[in-house]
């Protein structure tokens, strides 16, 4: 199993909207590195749902339930998407400031390349952030 972090501005697509839908495609990705990360996802992989923009915090977890397939919103035909099922909210959201303040999380892509919308998370960082958010990994 692999771990990921996906980002969305809450006024574009929020955690609450995803929870209400249950399972939804993660579409609209137009960055080639993010595309490669989507392509590397497998069913059962987990992802943090990160509110970007003003919020800058991890608010919940998702599970991949459908692997990479073409994104019909992409007229070029170059990009795809995966489907995520909403799992659980963090009991305490974890802010970017808290992540940056934690030395053990200093190597995360979120810290080093915060603009990337779909990024890998190593298992140790996943477990630590889950503890910070007061949920079971």
C-alpha atoms as a PDB file:
ATOM      1  CA  UNK A   1       0.000   0.000   0.000  1.00  0.00           C
ATOM      2  CA  UNK A   2       1.146   3.509  -0.803  1.00  0.00           C
ATOM      3  CA  UNK A   3       0.192   6.834   0.752  1.00  0.00           C
ATOM      4  CA  UNK A   4      -0.561  10.135  -0.933  1.00  0.00           C
ATOM      5  CA  UNK A   5      -1.694  13.692  -0.366  1.00  0.00           C
ATOM      6  CA  UNK A   6      -4.138  15.437  -2.715  1.00  0.00           C
ATOM      7  CA  UNK A   7      -4.881  19.130  -2.558  1.00  0.00           C
ATOM      8  CA  UNK A   8      -7.969  21.162  -3.321  1.00  0.00           C
ATOM      9  CA  UNK A   9      -9.065  24.693  -2.517  1.00  0.00           C
ATOM     10  CA  UNK A  10     -12.136  24.327  -0.302  1.00  0.00           C
ATOM     11  CA  UNK A  11     -14.113  26.803  -2.420  1.00  0.00           C
ATOM     12  CA  UNK A  12     -13.454  24.595  -5.487  1.00  0.00           C
ATOM     13  CA  UNK A  13     -13.915  21.124  -3.943  1.00  0.00           C
ATOM     14  CA  UNK A  14     -14.075  20.686  -0.188  1.00  0.00           C
ATOM     15  CA  UNK A  15     -13.709  17.757   2.161  1.00  0.00           C
ATOM     16  CA  UNK A  16     -17.373  18.142   3.125  1.00  0.00           C
ATOM     17  CA  UNK A  17     -18.471  17.947  -0.519  1.00  0.00           C
ATOM     18  CA  UNK A  18     -16.440  14.772  -0.980  1.00  0.00           C
ATOM     19  CA  UNK A  19     -17.944  13.266   2.170  1.00  0.00           C
ATOM     20  CA  UNK A  20     -21.453  14.059   0.920  1.00  0.00           C
ATOM     21  CA  UNK A  21     -20.739  12.389  -2.444  1.00  0.00           C
ATOM     22  CA  UNK A  22     -18.930   9.410  -0.893  1.00  0.00           C
ATOM     23  CA  UNK A  23     -17.006   8.344  -4.008  1.00  0.00           C
ATOM     24  CA  UNK A  24     -15.889  10.933  -6.552  1.00  0.00           C
ATOM     25  CA  UNK A  25     -13.285  11.257  -9.297  1.00  0.00           C
ATOM     26  CA  UNK A  26     -10.242  13.430  -8.640  1.00  0.00           C
ATOM     27  CA  UNK A  27     -10.320  15.307 -11.939  1.00  0.00           C
ATOM     28  CA  UNK A  28      -8.829  18.507 -13.294  1.00  0.00           C
ATOM     29  CA  UNK A  29      -5.162  17.646 -12.695  1.00  0.00           C
ATOM     30  CA  UNK A  30      -3.071  19.320 -15.405  1.00  0.00           C
ATOM     31  CA  UNK A  31       0.473  18.911 -14.118  1.00  0.00           C
ATOM     32  CA  UNK A  32       2.616  16.086 -15.513  1.00  0.00           C
ATOM     33  CA  UNK A  33       4.299  15.231 -12.196  1.00  0.00           C
ATOM     34  CA  UNK A  34       0.901  15.101 -10.460  1.00  0.00           C
ATOM     35  CA  UNK A  35      -0.365  12.951 -13.368  1.00  0.00           C
ATOM     36  CA  UNK A  36       2.502  10.487 -12.816  1.00  0.00           C
ATOM     37  CA  UNK A  37       1.537  10.271  -9.146  1.00  0.00           C
ATOM     38  CA  UNK A  38      -2.101   9.574 -10.050  1.00  0.00           C
ATOM     39  CA  UNK A  39      -0.925   6.870 -12.447  1.00  0.00           C
ATOM     40  CA  UNK A  40       1.109   5.245  -9.641  1.00  0.00           C
ATOM     41  CA  UNK A  41      -1.931   4.869  -7.378  1.00  0.00           C
ATOM     42  CA  UNK A  42      -3.513   1.477  -6.778  1.00  0.00           C
ATOM     43  CA  UNK A  43      -6.876   0.468  -5.393  1.00  0.00           C
ATOM     44  CA  UNK A  44      -6.682   0.517  -1.607  1.00  0.00           C
ATOM     45  CA  UNK A  45      -3.987   3.201  -1.401  1.00  0.00           C
ATOM     46  CA  UNK A  46      -4.754   5.973   1.084  1.00  0.00           C
ATOM     47  CA  UNK A  47      -4.505   9.737   0.673  1.00  0.00           C
ATOM     48  CA  UNK A  48      -4.755  12.771   2.872  1.00  0.00           C
ATOM     49  CA  UNK A  49      -7.267  15.391   1.743  1.00  0.00           C
ATOM     50  CA  UNK A  50      -5.529  18.765   2.049  1.00  0.00           C
ATOM     51  CA  UNK A  51      -7.357  22.086   1.897  1.00  0.00           C
ATOM     52  CA  UNK A  52      -5.020  24.472   0.083  1.00  0.00           C
ATOM     53  CA  UNK A  53      -5.360  28.232  -0.380  1.00  0.00           C
ATOM     54  CA  UNK A  54      -6.105  30.124   2.817  1.00  0.00           C
ATOM     55  CA  UNK A  55      -6.772  26.964   4.876  1.00  0.00           C
ATOM     56  CA  UNK A  56      -3.507  25.013   4.387  1.00  0.00           C
ATOM     57  CA  UNK A  57      -4.473  21.968   6.444  1.00  0.00           C
ATOM     58  CA  UNK A  58      -5.058  18.221   6.204  1.00  0.00           C
ATOM     59  CA  UNK A  59      -8.693  17.567   7.035  1.00  0.00           C
ATOM     60  CA  UNK A  60      -9.451  13.935   6.158  1.00  0.00           C
ATOM     61  CA  UNK A  61      -8.424  10.674   4.545  1.00  0.00           C
ATOM     62  CA  UNK A  62      -9.455   9.025   1.284  1.00  0.00           C
ATOM     63  CA  UNK A  63      -9.045   5.584  -0.296  1.00  0.00           C
ATOM     64  CA  UNK A  64      -8.410   4.932  -3.990  1.00  0.00           C
ATOM     65  CA  UNK A  65     -11.327   2.852  -5.315  1.00  0.00           C
ATOM     66  CA  UNK A  66     -10.700   3.185  -9.065  1.00  0.00           C
ATOM     67  CA  UNK A  67      -7.279   3.398 -10.660  1.00  0.00           C
ATOM     68  CA  UNK A  68      -6.167   5.913 -13.276  1.00  0.00           C
ATOM     69  CA  UNK A  69      -8.454   6.420 -16.275  1.00  0.00           C
ATOM     70  CA  UNK A  70      -9.019   9.249 -18.819  1.00  0.00           C
ATOM     71  CA  UNK A  71     -10.321  12.566 -17.482  1.00  0.00           C
ATOM     72  CA  UNK A  72     -13.263  13.609 -19.697  1.00  0.00           C
ATOM     73  CA  UNK A  73     -12.751  17.258 -18.672  1.00  0.00           C
ATOM     74  CA  UNK A  74      -9.350  17.241 -20.451  1.00  0.00           C
ATOM     75  CA  UNK A  75      -9.835  18.174 -24.111  1.00  0.00           C
ATOM     76  CA  UNK A  76      -6.198  17.302 -24.916  1.00  0.00           C
ATOM     77  CA  UNK A  77      -6.661  13.669 -23.826  1.00  0.00           C
ATOM     78  CA  UNK A  78      -3.316  13.745 -21.972  1.00  0.00           C
ATOM     79  CA  UNK A  79      -4.576  13.656 -18.387  1.00  0.00           C
ATOM     80  CA  UNK A  80      -6.536  11.256 -16.262  1.00  0.00           C
ATOM     81  CA  UNK A  81      -8.016  10.804 -12.824  1.00  0.00           C
ATOM     82  CA  UNK A  82      -8.675   8.295 -10.052  1.00  0.00           C
ATOM     83  CA  UNK A  83     -11.758   7.794  -7.899  1.00  0.00           C
ATOM     84  CA  UNK A  84     -11.507   8.346  -4.162  1.00  0.00           C
ATOM     85  CA  UNK A  85     -13.851   7.241  -1.411  1.00  0.00           C
ATOM     86  CA  UNK A  86     -14.045   9.542   1.606  1.00  0.00           C
ATOM     87  CA  UNK A  87     -12.869   7.658   4.688  1.00  0.00           C
ATOM     88  CA  UNK A  88     -12.650   9.702   7.846  1.00  0.00           C
ATOM     89  CA  UNK A  89     -12.099  13.248   8.990  1.00  0.00           C
ATOM     90  CA  UNK A  90      -9.131  14.013  11.172  1.00  0.00           C
ATOM     91  CA  UNK A  91     -10.355  14.681  14.704  1.00  0.00           C
ATOM     92  CA  UNK A  92      -7.924  17.597  14.748  1.00  0.00           C
ATOM     93  CA  UNK A  93      -6.893  19.032  11.382  1.00  0.00           C
ATOM     94  CA  UNK A  94      -3.137  19.261  10.838  1.00  0.00           C
ATOM     95  CA  UNK A  95      -1.914  22.582   9.488  1.00  0.00           C
ATOM     96  CA  UNK A  96       0.997  23.205   7.169  1.00  0.00           C
ATOM     97  CA  UNK A  97       2.595  25.227   9.976  1.00  0.00           C
ATOM     98  CA  UNK A  98       2.409  22.197  12.307  1.00  0.00           C
ATOM     99  CA  UNK A  99       3.921  19.979   9.616  1.00  0.00           C
ATOM    100  CA  UNK A 100       6.780  22.431   9.010  1.00  0.00           C
ATOM    101  CA  UNK A 101       7.400  22.650  12.771  1.00  0.00           C
ATOM    102  CA  UNK A 102       7.806  18.865  13.044  1.00  0.00           C
ATOM    103  CA  UNK A 103      11.436  17.970  12.143  1.00  0.00           C
ATOM    104  CA  UNK A 104      10.479  14.384  11.218  1.00  0.00           C
ATOM    105  CA  UNK A 105       8.221  15.769   8.450  1.00  0.00           C
ATOM    106  CA  UNK A 106      10.829  18.079   6.921  1.00  0.00           C
ATOM    107  CA  UNK A 107      11.417  15.835   3.910  1.00  0.00           C
ATOM    108  CA  UNK A 108       7.761  15.698   2.866  1.00  0.00           C
ATOM    109  CA  UNK A 109       6.968  16.912  -0.634  1.00  0.00           C
ATOM    110  CA  UNK A 110       4.401  19.231   0.973  1.00  0.00           C
ATOM    111  CA  UNK A 111       7.278  21.053   2.697  1.00  0.00           C
ATOM    112  CA  UNK A 112       9.722  20.970  -0.231  1.00  0.00           C
ATOM    113  CA  UNK A 113       7.318  21.452  -3.175  1.00  0.00           C
ATOM    114  CA  UNK A 114       4.094  22.735  -1.676  1.00  0.00           C
ATOM    115  CA  UNK A 115       2.535  23.617  -5.043  1.00  0.00           C
ATOM    116  CA  UNK A 116       2.321  20.010  -6.321  1.00  0.00           C
ATOM    117  CA  UNK A 117      -1.344  18.987  -6.150  1.00  0.00           C
ATOM    118  CA  UNK A 118      -0.844  15.194  -5.970  1.00  0.00           C
ATOM    119  CA  UNK A 119       2.150  13.946  -4.025  1.00  0.00           C
ATOM    120  CA  UNK A 120       3.502  10.851  -2.309  1.00  0.00           C
ATOM    121  CA  UNK A 121       3.691  10.508   1.477  1.00  0.00           C
ATOM    122  CA  UNK A 122       6.066   8.030   3.114  1.00  0.00           C
ATOM    123  CA  UNK A 123       4.658   5.542   5.630  1.00  0.00           C
ATOM    124  CA  UNK A 124       6.382   7.104   8.666  1.00  0.00           C
ATOM    125  CA  UNK A 125       5.009  10.558   7.804  1.00  0.00           C
ATOM    126  CA  UNK A 126       1.536   9.063   7.250  1.00  0.00           C
ATOM    127  CA  UNK A 127       1.568   7.494  10.716  1.00  0.00           C
ATOM    128  CA  UNK A 128       2.853  10.641  12.408  1.00  0.00           C
ATOM    129  CA  UNK A 129       0.267  12.899  10.758  1.00  0.00           C
ATOM    130  CA  UNK A 130      -2.488  10.442  11.654  1.00  0.00           C
ATOM    131  CA  UNK A 131      -1.349  10.635  15.287  1.00  0.00           C
ATOM    132  CA  UNK A 132      -1.239  14.442  15.086  1.00  0.00           C
ATOM    133  CA  UNK A 133      -4.783  14.375  13.664  1.00  0.00           C
ATOM    134  CA  UNK A 134      -5.871  11.935  16.391  1.00  0.00           C
ATOM    135  CA  UNK A 135      -6.940   9.110  14.071  1.00  0.00           C
ATOM    136  CA  UNK A 136      -5.663   5.570  13.637  1.00  0.00           C
ATOM    137  CA  UNK A 137      -3.225   5.101  10.756  1.00  0.00           C
END
